[in-house]
Amino acid sequence: MRFPSLFKTKHPRGFNFQPRYYDERKERLEKLRRAAEKEVELEQSERTLKKGELQSAWRKNQVNYHQKRSNTRIFLIAGVLAVIFYLLLK
């Protein structure tokens, strides 16, 4: 018979052991399945790559165009500031 208490009493921790089972055949089949899925995925990505080559080339060209334009703008601004700075010092 227990008396009521204001404090919690400690209970022993339980032991929960789940044994592992290793199935070599299942692991091998799973590995082969993953390899086959990866191969199929690679083939599909190659097909979409061929379809999207024109788009990717166009996007790459667009990025280069904008980058060149941005660089030209920066050099122009730097040149104008250099001329203004030179005139102020003179």
C-alpha atoms as a PDB file:
ATOM      1  CA  MET A   1       0.000   0.000   0.000  1.00  0.00           C
ATOM      2  CA  ARG A   2       1.374   3.366  -1.043  1.00  0.00           C
ATOM      3  CA  PHE A   3       0.862   6.701   0.560  1.00  0.00           C
ATOM      4  CA  PRO A   4      -0.040   9.674  -1.642  1.00  0.00           C
ATOM      5  CA  SER A   5       2.924  11.910  -2.414  1.00  0.00           C
ATOM      6  CA  LEU A   6       3.480  15.372  -3.853  1.00  0.00           C
ATOM      7  CA  PHE A   7       6.629  14.241  -5.652  1.00  0.00           C
ATOM      8  CA  LYS A   8       6.895  11.835  -8.539  1.00  0.00           C
ATOM      9  CA  THR A   9       8.661   8.632  -7.765  1.00  0.00           C
ATOM     10  CA  LYS A  10      11.211   7.311 -10.226  1.00  0.00           C
ATOM     11  CA  HIS A  11      10.233   4.288 -12.243  1.00  0.00           C
ATOM     12  CA  PRO A  12      12.821   1.912 -13.631  1.00  0.00           C
ATOM     13  CA  ARG A  13      13.631   2.492 -17.298  1.00  0.00           C
ATOM     14  CA  GLY A  14      12.377  -0.183 -19.605  1.00  0.00           C
ATOM     15  CA  PHE A  15      14.604  -2.109 -21.971  1.00  0.00           C
ATOM     16  CA  ASN A  16      13.341  -2.052 -25.532  1.00  0.00           C
ATOM     17  CA  PHE A  17      15.582  -4.195 -27.747  1.00  0.00           C
ATOM     18  CA  GLN A  18      14.463  -4.878 -31.281  1.00  0.00           C
ATOM     19  CA  PRO A  19      16.625  -7.508 -32.944  1.00  0.00           C
ATOM     20  CA  ARG A  20      17.855  -6.769 -36.459  1.00  0.00           C
ATOM     21  CA  TYR A  21      17.534  -9.205 -39.271  1.00  0.00           C
ATOM     22  CA  TYR A  22      19.900  -9.016 -42.227  1.00  0.00           C
ATOM     23  CA  ASP A  23      18.717 -10.472 -45.497  1.00  0.00           C
ATOM     24  CA  GLU A  24      21.594 -10.450 -47.980  1.00  0.00           C
ATOM     25  CA  ARG A  25      19.392 -11.362 -50.946  1.00  0.00           C
ATOM     26  CA  LYS A  26      16.951  -8.567 -50.190  1.00  0.00           C
ATOM     27  CA  GLU A  27      19.793  -6.050 -49.868  1.00  0.00           C
ATOM     28  CA  ARG A  28      21.267  -7.168 -53.194  1.00  0.00           C
ATOM     29  CA  LEU A  29      17.895  -6.910 -54.966  1.00  0.00           C
ATOM     30  CA  GLU A  30      17.296  -3.484 -53.470  1.00  0.00           C
ATOM     31  CA  LYS A  31      20.702  -2.311 -54.683  1.00  0.00           C
ATOM     32  CA  LEU A  32      19.979  -3.590 -58.211  1.00  0.00           C
ATOM     33  CA  ARG A  33      16.555  -1.924 -58.203  1.00  0.00           C
ATOM     34  CA  ARG A  34      18.055   1.427 -57.152  1.00  0.00           C
ATOM     35  CA  ALA A  35      20.718   1.141 -59.885  1.00  0.00           C
ATOM     36  CA  ALA A  36      18.056   0.400 -62.523  1.00  0.00           C
ATOM     37  CA  GLU A  37      15.925   3.342 -61.392  1.00  0.00           C
ATOM     38  CA  LYS A  38      18.954   5.621 -61.520  1.00  0.00           C
ATOM     39  CA  GLU A  39      19.744   4.433 -65.055  1.00  0.00           C
ATOM     40  CA  VAL A  40      16.168   5.062 -66.226  1.00  0.00           C
ATOM     41  CA  GLU A  41      16.223   8.498 -64.617  1.00  0.00           C
ATOM     42  CA  LEU A  42      19.515   9.289 -66.378  1.00  0.00           C
ATOM     43  CA  GLU A  43      18.070   8.272 -69.756  1.00  0.00           C
ATOM     44  CA  GLN A  44      15.027  10.467 -69.189  1.00  0.00           C
ATOM     45  CA  SER A  45      17.180  13.422 -68.183  1.00  0.00           C
ATOM     46  CA  GLU A  46      19.289  12.950 -71.344  1.00  0.00           C
ATOM     47  CA  ARG A  47      16.121  13.065 -73.455  1.00  0.00           C
ATOM     48  CA  THR A  48      14.952  16.250 -71.781  1.00  0.00           C
ATOM     49  CA  LEU A  49      18.460  17.669 -72.144  1.00  0.00           C
ATOM     50  CA  LYS A  50      18.313  17.142 -75.900  1.00  0.00           C
ATOM     51  CA  LYS A  51      14.918  18.816 -76.013  1.00  0.00           C
ATOM     52  CA  GLY A  52      16.066  21.721 -73.871  1.00  0.00           C
ATOM     53  CA  GLU A  53      19.485  22.326 -75.443  1.00  0.00           C
ATOM     54  CA  LEU A  54      18.224  25.263 -77.472  1.00  0.00           C
ATOM     55  CA  GLN A  55      16.624  26.841 -74.408  1.00  0.00           C
ATOM     56  CA  SER A  56      19.703  26.382 -72.254  1.00  0.00           C
ATOM     57  CA  ALA A  57      21.966  27.823 -74.979  1.00  0.00           C
ATOM     58  CA  TRP A  58      19.656  30.807 -75.340  1.00  0.00           C
ATOM     59  CA  ARG A  59      19.594  31.385 -71.568  1.00  0.00           C
ATOM     60  CA  LYS A  60      23.375  31.119 -71.375  1.00  0.00           C
ATOM     61  CA  ASN A  61      23.691  33.637 -74.195  1.00  0.00           C
ATOM     62  CA  GLN A  62      21.250  35.974 -72.452  1.00  0.00           C
ATOM     63  CA  VAL A  63      23.246  35.818 -69.216  1.00  0.00           C
ATOM     64  CA  ASN A  64      26.481  36.596 -71.062  1.00  0.00           C
ATOM     65  CA  TYR A  65      24.828  39.500 -72.902  1.00  0.00           C
ATOM     66  CA  HIS A  66      23.493  41.046 -69.704  1.00  0.00           C
ATOM     67  CA  GLN A  67      26.792  40.524 -67.913  1.00  0.00           C
ATOM     68  CA  LYS A  68      28.752  42.241 -70.716  1.00  0.00           C
ATOM     69  CA  ARG A  69      26.270  45.094 -70.740  1.00  0.00           C
ATOM     70  CA  SER A  70      26.546  45.470 -66.969  1.00  0.00           C
ATOM     71  CA  ASN A  71      30.354  45.493 -67.122  1.00  0.00           C
ATOM     72  CA  THR A  72      30.281  48.164 -69.845  1.00  0.00           C
ATOM     73  CA  ARG A  73      27.957  50.298 -67.730  1.00  0.00           C
ATOM     74  CA  ILE A  74      30.248  49.981 -64.684  1.00  0.00           C
ATOM     75  CA  PHE A  75      33.346  51.000 -66.677  1.00  0.00           C
ATOM     76  CA  LEU A  76      31.477  53.974 -68.170  1.00  0.00           C
ATOM     77  CA  ILE A  77      30.365  55.179 -64.720  1.00  0.00           C
ATOM     78  CA  ALA A  78      33.882  54.698 -63.318  1.00  0.00           C
ATOM     79  CA  GLY A  79      35.319  56.705 -66.230  1.00  0.00           C
ATOM     80  CA  VAL A  80      32.870  59.567 -65.743  1.00  0.00           C
ATOM     81  CA  LEU A  81      33.624  59.654 -62.000  1.00  0.00           C
ATOM     82  CA  ALA A  82      37.368  59.654 -62.724  1.00  0.00           C
ATOM     83  CA  VAL A  83      37.001  62.626 -65.070  1.00  0.00           C
ATOM     84  CA  ILE A  84      34.879  64.526 -62.526  1.00  0.00           C
ATOM     85  CA  PHE A  85      37.387  63.759 -59.757  1.00  0.00           C
ATOM     86  CA  TYR A  86      40.265  64.922 -61.976  1.00  0.00           C
ATOM     87  CA  LEU A  87      38.471  68.194 -62.786  1.00  0.00           C
ATOM     88  CA  LEU A  88      37.733  68.838 -59.086  1.00  0.00           C
ATOM     89  CA  LEU A  89      41.359  68.333 -58.094  1.00  0.00           C
ATOM     90  CA  LYS A  90      42.659  70.567 -60.913  1.00  0.00           C
END
